[in-house]
Amino acid sequence: MPPFGDDEPVARWRWLAADAHEAADQMTDPEARLLLLSIAQAYERLAQRAEERSTKPAKHEYADPD
């Protein structure tokens, strides 16, 4: 069971990245290892995007400019 809740996207993506890295380390097939490392990098990018979104103020489409 993952050590985070559904409301923690950064932790989820980082956990999945670590899991993919661990699986890549166990691969003996070079192509499979590269694919898993690529997946791990994609999860890390998702974590970075989720982290950026969580630190930026929300933009409201219909906000009053005054």
PDB file of N, CA and C in Angstrom:
ATOM      1  N   MET A   1       0.849  -1.179   0.000  1.00  0.00           N
ATOM      2  CA  MET A   1       0.000   0.000   0.000  1.00  0.00           C
ATOM      3  C   MET A   1       0.895   1.242   0.000  1.00  0.00           C
ATOM      4  N   PRO A   2       0.620   2.195  -0.882  1.00  0.00           N
ATOM      5  CA  PRO A   2       1.405   3.428  -0.928  1.00  0.00           C
ATOM      6  C   PRO A   2       1.305   4.200   0.394  1.00  0.00           C
ATOM      7  N   PRO A   3       2.392   4.867   0.802  1.00  0.00           N
ATOM      8  CA  PRO A   3       2.406   5.589   2.083  1.00  0.00           C
ATOM      9  C   PRO A   3       1.872   7.022   1.992  1.00  0.00           C
ATOM     10  N   PHE A   4       0.768   7.230   1.272  1.00  0.00           N
ATOM     11  CA  PHE A   4       0.204   8.561   1.101  1.00  0.00           C
ATOM     12  C   PHE A   4      -1.257   8.426   0.745  1.00  0.00           C
ATOM     13  N   GLY A   5      -1.979   9.531   0.859  1.00  0.00           N
ATOM     14  CA  GLY A   5      -3.392   9.541   0.506  1.00  0.00           C
ATOM     15  C   GLY A   5      -3.612   9.996  -0.922  1.00  0.00           C
ATOM     16  N   ASP A   6      -4.840   9.867  -1.386  1.00  0.00           N
ATOM     17  CA  ASP A   6      -5.195  10.288  -2.738  1.00  0.00           C
ATOM     18  C   ASP A   6      -5.038  11.790  -2.944  1.00  0.00           C
ATOM     19  N   ASP A   7      -5.011  12.550  -1.855  1.00  0.00           N
ATOM     20  CA  ASP A   7      -4.912  14.000  -1.958  1.00  0.00           C
ATOM     21  C   ASP A   7      -3.464  14.493  -1.910  1.00  0.00           C
ATOM     22  N   GLU A   8      -2.518  13.589  -2.113  1.00  0.00           N
ATOM     23  CA  GLU A   8      -1.096  13.939  -2.091  1.00  0.00           C
ATOM     24  C   GLU A   8      -0.442  13.565  -3.416  1.00  0.00           C
ATOM     25  N   PRO A   9      -0.716  14.310  -4.496  1.00  0.00           N
ATOM     26  CA  PRO A   9      -0.204  13.916  -5.804  1.00  0.00           C
ATOM     27  C   PRO A   9       1.316  13.940  -5.924  1.00  0.00           C
ATOM     28  N   VAL A  10       1.982  14.892  -5.267  1.00  0.00           N
ATOM     29  CA  VAL A  10       3.448  14.952  -5.363  1.00  0.00           C
ATOM     30  C   VAL A  10       4.054  13.683  -4.778  1.00  0.00           C
ATOM     31  N   ALA A  11       3.588  13.291  -3.612  1.00  0.00           N
ATOM     32  CA  ALA A  11       4.096  12.068  -2.978  1.00  0.00           C
ATOM     33  C   ALA A  11       3.800  10.843  -3.839  1.00  0.00           C
ATOM     34  N   ARG A  12       2.623  10.811  -4.438  1.00  0.00           N
ATOM     35  CA  ARG A  12       2.256   9.665  -5.282  1.00  0.00           C
ATOM     36  C   ARG A  12       3.205   9.547  -6.470  1.00  0.00           C
ATOM     37  N   TRP A  13       3.433  10.670  -7.190  1.00  0.00           N
ATOM     38  CA  TRP A  13       4.311  10.607  -8.360  1.00  0.00           C
ATOM     39  C   TRP A  13       5.736  10.251  -7.972  1.00  0.00           C
ATOM     40  N   ARG A  14       6.228  10.785  -6.849  1.00  0.00           N
ATOM     41  CA  ARG A  14       7.599  10.474  -6.407  1.00  0.00           C
ATOM     42  C   ARG A  14       7.716   9.016  -5.992  1.00  0.00           C
ATOM     43  N   TRP A  15       6.685   8.483  -5.368  1.00  0.00           N
ATOM     44  CA  TRP A  15       6.692   7.074  -4.961  1.00  0.00           C
ATOM     45  C   TRP A  15       6.718   6.182  -6.204  1.00  0.00           C
ATOM     46  N   LEU A  16       5.921   6.517  -7.212  1.00  0.00           N
ATOM     47  CA  LEU A  16       5.907   5.746  -8.448  1.00  0.00           C
ATOM     48  C   LEU A  16       7.251   5.842  -9.169  1.00  0.00           C
ATOM     49  N   ALA A  17       7.884   7.021  -9.134  1.00  0.00           N
ATOM     50  CA  ALA A  17       9.204   7.184  -9.749  1.00  0.00           C
ATOM     51  C   ALA A  17      10.224   6.288  -9.053  1.00  0.00           C
ATOM     52  N   ALA A  18      10.206   6.274  -7.736  1.00  0.00           N
ATOM     53  CA  ALA A  18      11.141   5.433  -6.981  1.00  0.00           C
ATOM     54  C   ALA A  18      10.901   3.955  -7.283  1.00  0.00           C
ATOM     55  N   ASP A  19       9.640   3.576  -7.404  1.00  0.00           N
ATOM     56  CA  ASP A  19       9.295   2.187  -7.721  1.00  0.00           C
ATOM     57  C   ASP A  19       9.811   1.804  -9.110  1.00  0.00           C
ATOM     58  N   ALA A  20       9.672   2.714 -10.075  1.00  0.00           N
ATOM     59  CA  ALA A  20      10.167   2.446 -11.429  1.00  0.00           C
ATOM     60  C   ALA A  20      11.691   2.357 -11.441  1.00  0.00           C
ATOM     61  N   HIS A  21      12.363   3.216 -10.662  1.00  0.00           N
ATOM     62  CA  HIS A  21      13.824   3.143 -10.554  1.00  0.00           C
ATOM     63  C   HIS A  21      14.256   1.801  -9.975  1.00  0.00           C
ATOM     64  N   GLU A  22      13.560   1.362  -8.941  1.00  0.00           N
ATOM     65  CA  GLU A  22      13.879   0.083  -8.310  1.00  0.00           C
ATOM     66  C   GLU A  22      13.698  -1.070  -9.293  1.00  0.00           C
ATOM     67  N   ALA A  23      12.611  -1.021 -10.051  1.00  0.00           N
ATOM     68  CA  ALA A  23      12.372  -2.072 -11.047  1.00  0.00           C
ATOM     69  C   ALA A  23      13.446  -2.038 -12.129  1.00  0.00           C
ATOM     70  N   ALA A  24      13.863  -0.836 -12.545  1.00  0.00           N
ATOM     71  CA  ALA A  24      14.907  -0.705 -13.570  1.00  0.00           C
ATOM     72  C   ALA A  24      16.216  -1.311 -13.080  1.00  0.00           C
ATOM     73  N   ASP A  25      16.524  -1.113 -11.814  1.00  0.00           N
ATOM     74  CA  ASP A  25      17.756  -1.666 -11.249  1.00  0.00           C
ATOM     75  C   ASP A  25      17.789  -3.189 -11.282  1.00  0.00           C
ATOM     76  N   GLN A  26      16.626  -3.800 -11.323  1.00  0.00           N
ATOM     77  CA  GLN A  26      16.541  -5.261 -11.328  1.00  0.00           C
ATOM     78  C   GLN A  26      16.521  -5.851 -12.734  1.00  0.00           C
ATOM     79  N   MET A  27      16.412  -5.010 -13.751  1.00  0.00           N
ATOM     80  CA  MET A  27      16.324  -5.488 -15.124  1.00  0.00           C
ATOM     81  C   MET A  27      17.699  -5.912 -15.659  1.00  0.00           C
ATOM     82  N   THR A  28      17.691  -7.032 -16.360  1.00  0.00           N
ATOM     83  CA  THR A  28      18.913  -7.462 -17.039  1.00  0.00           C
ATOM     84  C   THR A  28      18.855  -7.125 -18.524  1.00  0.00           C
ATOM     85  N   ASP A  29      17.666  -6.908 -19.040  1.00  0.00           N
ATOM     86  CA  ASP A  29      17.477  -6.525 -20.437  1.00  0.00           C
ATOM     87  C   ASP A  29      17.705  -5.016 -20.546  1.00  0.00           C
ATOM     88  N   PRO A  30      18.719  -4.594 -21.310  1.00  0.00           N
ATOM     89  CA  PRO A  30      19.028  -3.161 -21.402  1.00  0.00           C
ATOM     90  C   PRO A  30      17.865  -2.307 -21.909  1.00  0.00           C
ATOM     91  N   GLU A  31      17.114  -2.805 -22.871  1.00  0.00           N
ATOM     92  CA  GLU A  31      15.988  -2.023 -23.408  1.00  0.00           C
ATOM     93  C   GLU A  31      14.892  -1.856 -22.365  1.00  0.00           C
ATOM     94  N   ALA A  32      14.592  -2.920 -21.637  1.00  0.00           N
ATOM     95  CA  ALA A  32      13.578  -2.843 -20.579  1.00  0.00           C
ATOM     96  C   ALA A  32      14.031  -1.878 -19.484  1.00  0.00           C
ATOM     97  N   ARG A  33      15.315  -1.916 -19.159  1.00  0.00           N
ATOM     98  CA  ARG A  33      15.864  -1.016 -18.140  1.00  0.00           C
ATOM     99  C   ARG A  33      15.711   0.444 -18.580  1.00  0.00           C
ATOM    100  N   LEU A  34      16.035   0.743 -19.835  1.00  0.00           N
ATOM    101  CA  LEU A  34      15.897   2.112 -20.341  1.00  0.00           C
ATOM    102  C   LEU A  34      14.441   2.571 -20.347  1.00  0.00           C
ATOM    103  N   LEU A  35      13.538   1.670 -20.697  1.00  0.00           N
ATOM    104  CA  LEU A  35      12.116   2.028 -20.684  1.00  0.00           C
ATOM    105  C   LEU A  35      11.649   2.375 -19.273  1.00  0.00           C
ATOM    106  N   LEU A  36      12.065   1.582 -18.302  1.00  0.00           N
ATOM    107  CA  LEU A  36      11.670   1.857 -16.927  1.00  0.00           C
ATOM    108  C   LEU A  36      12.289   3.150 -16.412  1.00  0.00           C
ATOM    109  N   LEU A  37      13.525   3.437 -16.802  1.00  0.00           N
ATOM    110  CA  LEU A  37      14.145   4.699 -16.405  1.00  0.00           C
ATOM    111  C   LEU A  37      13.414   5.881 -17.035  1.00  0.00           C
ATOM    112  N   SER A  38      12.943   5.710 -18.263  1.00  0.00           N
ATOM    113  CA  SER A  38      12.164   6.748 -18.924  1.00  0.00           C
ATOM    114  C   SER A  38      10.842   6.975 -18.192  1.00  0.00           C
ATOM    115  N   ILE A  39      10.221   5.901 -17.768  1.00  0.00           N
ATOM    116  CA  ILE A  39       8.978   6.002 -16.999  1.00  0.00           C
ATOM    117  C   ILE A  39       9.243   6.720 -15.679  1.00  0.00           C
ATOM    118  N   ALA A  40      10.340   6.392 -15.022  1.00  0.00           N
ATOM    119  CA  ALA A  40      10.695   7.041 -13.759  1.00  0.00           C
ATOM    120  C   ALA A  40      10.895   8.537 -13.964  1.00  0.00           C
ATOM    121  N   GLN A  41      11.553   8.924 -15.043  1.00  0.00           N
ATOM    122  CA  GLN A  41      11.753  10.346 -15.335  1.00  0.00           C
ATOM    123  C   GLN A  41      10.423  11.047 -15.585  1.00  0.00           C
ATOM    124  N   ALA A  42       9.515  10.371 -16.265  1.00  0.00           N
ATOM    125  CA  ALA A  42       8.193  10.962 -16.520  1.00  0.00           C
ATOM    126  C   ALA A  42       7.444  11.165 -15.206  1.00  0.00           C
ATOM    127  N   TYR A  43       7.517  10.203 -14.291  1.00  0.00           N
ATOM    128  CA  TYR A  43       6.882  10.362 -12.983  1.00  0.00           C
ATOM    129  C   TYR A  43       7.496  11.527 -12.218  1.00  0.00           C
ATOM    130  N   GLU A  44       8.804  11.705 -12.316  1.00  0.00           N
ATOM    131  CA  GLU A  44       9.460  12.826 -11.644  1.00  0.00           C
ATOM    132  C   GLU A  44       8.979  14.160 -12.218  1.00  0.00           C
ATOM    133  N   ARG A  45       8.813  14.209 -13.538  1.00  0.00           N
ATOM    134  CA  ARG A  45       8.295  15.440 -14.160  1.00  0.00           C
ATOM    135  C   ARG A  45       6.868  15.720 -13.681  1.00  0.00           C
ATOM    136  N   LEU A  46       6.061  14.674 -13.564  1.00  0.00           N
ATOM    137  CA  LEU A  46       4.702  14.853 -13.050  1.00  0.00           C
ATOM    138  C   LEU A  46       4.733  15.362 -11.613  1.00  0.00           C
ATOM    139  N   ALA A  47       5.652  14.858 -10.814  1.00  0.00           N
ATOM    140  CA  ALA A  47       5.782  15.319  -9.432  1.00  0.00           C
ATOM    141  C   ALA A  47       6.172  16.793  -9.400  1.00  0.00           C
ATOM    142  N   GLN A  48       7.099  17.186 -10.261  1.00  0.00           N
ATOM    143  CA  GLN A  48       7.514  18.591 -10.308  1.00  0.00           C
ATOM    144  C   GLN A  48       6.353  19.497 -10.701  1.00  0.00           C
ATOM    145  N   ARG A  49       5.576  19.063 -11.702  1.00  0.00           N
ATOM    146  CA  ARG A  49       4.429  19.869 -12.130  1.00  0.00           C
ATOM    147  C   ARG A  49       3.387  19.978 -11.015  1.00  0.00           C
ATOM    148  N   ALA A  50       3.126  18.874 -10.335  1.00  0.00           N
ATOM    149  CA  ALA A  50       2.156  18.890  -9.231  1.00  0.00           C
ATOM    150  C   ALA A  50       2.650  19.795  -8.108  1.00  0.00           C
ATOM    151  N   GLU A  51       3.955  19.764  -7.847  1.00  0.00           N
ATOM    152  CA  GLU A  51       4.523  20.618  -6.809  1.00  0.00           C
ATOM    153  C   GLU A  51       4.409  22.097  -7.193  1.00  0.00           C
ATOM    154  N   GLU A  52       4.686  22.420  -8.448  1.00  0.00           N
ATOM    155  CA  GLU A  52       4.561  23.799  -8.920  1.00  0.00           C
ATOM    156  C   GLU A  52       3.121  24.289  -8.811  1.00  0.00           C
ATOM    157  N   ARG A  53       2.176  23.429  -9.186  1.00  0.00           N
ATOM    158  CA  ARG A  53       0.763  23.819  -9.106  1.00  0.00           C
ATOM    159  C   ARG A  53       0.329  24.038  -7.665  1.00  0.00           C
ATOM    160  N   SER A  54       0.896  23.267  -6.751  1.00  0.00           N
ATOM    161  CA  SER A  54       0.470  23.393  -5.355  1.00  0.00           C
ATOM    162  C   SER A  54       1.040  24.640  -4.688  1.00  0.00           C
ATOM    163  N   THR A  55       2.085  25.246  -5.261  1.00  0.00           N
ATOM    164  CA  THR A  55       2.681  26.431  -4.658  1.00  0.00           C
ATOM    165  C   THR A  55       2.242  27.720  -5.333  1.00  0.00           C
ATOM    166  N   LYS A  56       1.593  27.635  -6.495  1.00  0.00           N
ATOM    167  CA  LYS A  56       1.107  28.819  -7.198  1.00  0.00           C
ATOM    168  C   LYS A  56      -0.308  29.138  -6.734  1.00  0.00           C
ATOM    169  N   PRO A  57      -0.626  30.416  -6.606  1.00  0.00           N
ATOM    170  CA  PRO A  57      -2.012  30.765  -6.269  1.00  0.00           C
ATOM    171  C   PRO A  57      -2.949  30.370  -7.408  1.00  0.00           C
ATOM    172  N   ALA A  58      -4.120  29.973  -7.051  1.00  0.00           N
ATOM    173  CA  ALA A  58      -5.097  29.562  -8.058  1.00  0.00           C
ATOM    174  C   ALA A  58      -5.513  30.755  -8.895  1.00  0.00           C
ATOM    175  N   LYS A  59      -5.643  30.533 -10.191  1.00  0.00           N
ATOM    176  CA  LYS A  59      -6.114  31.587 -11.091  1.00  0.00           C
ATOM    177  C   LYS A  59      -7.598  31.366 -11.326  1.00  0.00           C
ATOM    178  N   HIS A  60      -8.364  32.403 -11.091  1.00  0.00           N
ATOM    179  CA  HIS A  60      -9.806  32.310 -11.295  1.00  0.00           C
ATOM    180  C   HIS A  60     -10.155  32.979 -12.619  1.00  0.00           C
ATOM    181  N   GLU A  61     -10.799  32.232 -13.468  1.00  0.00           N
ATOM    182  CA  GLU A  61     -11.129  32.737 -14.797  1.00  0.00           C
ATOM    183  C   GLU A  61     -12.007  33.974 -14.732  1.00  0.00           C
ATOM    184  N   TYR A  62     -12.901  34.041 -13.753  1.00  0.00           N
ATOM    185  CA  TYR A  62     -13.850  35.148 -13.679  1.00  0.00           C
ATOM    186  C   TYR A  62     -13.529  36.109 -12.526  1.00  0.00           C
ATOM    187  N   ALA A  63     -12.268  36.216 -12.172  1.00  0.00           N
ATOM    188  CA  ALA A  63     -11.889  37.089 -11.061  1.00  0.00           C
ATOM    189  C   ALA A  63     -12.103  38.544 -11.429  1.00  0.00           C
ATOM    190  N   ASP A  64     -12.508  39.333 -10.452  1.00  0.00           N
ATOM    191  CA  ASP A  64     -12.700  40.760 -10.627  1.00  0.00           C
ATOM    192  C   ASP A  64     -11.331  41.435 -10.682  1.00  0.00           C
ATOM    193  N   PRO A  65     -10.999  42.178 -11.751  1.00  0.00           N
ATOM    194  CA  PRO A  65      -9.669  42.770 -11.878  1.00  0.00           C
ATOM    195  C   PRO A  65      -9.408  43.906 -10.894  1.00  0.00           C
ATOM    196  N   ASP A  66     -10.443  44.462 -10.264  1.00  0.00           N
ATOM    197  CA  ASP A  66     -10.254  45.583  -9.322  1.00  0.00           C
ATOM    198  C   ASP A  66      -9.990  45.115  -7.931  1.00  0.00           C
TER     199      ASP A  66
END
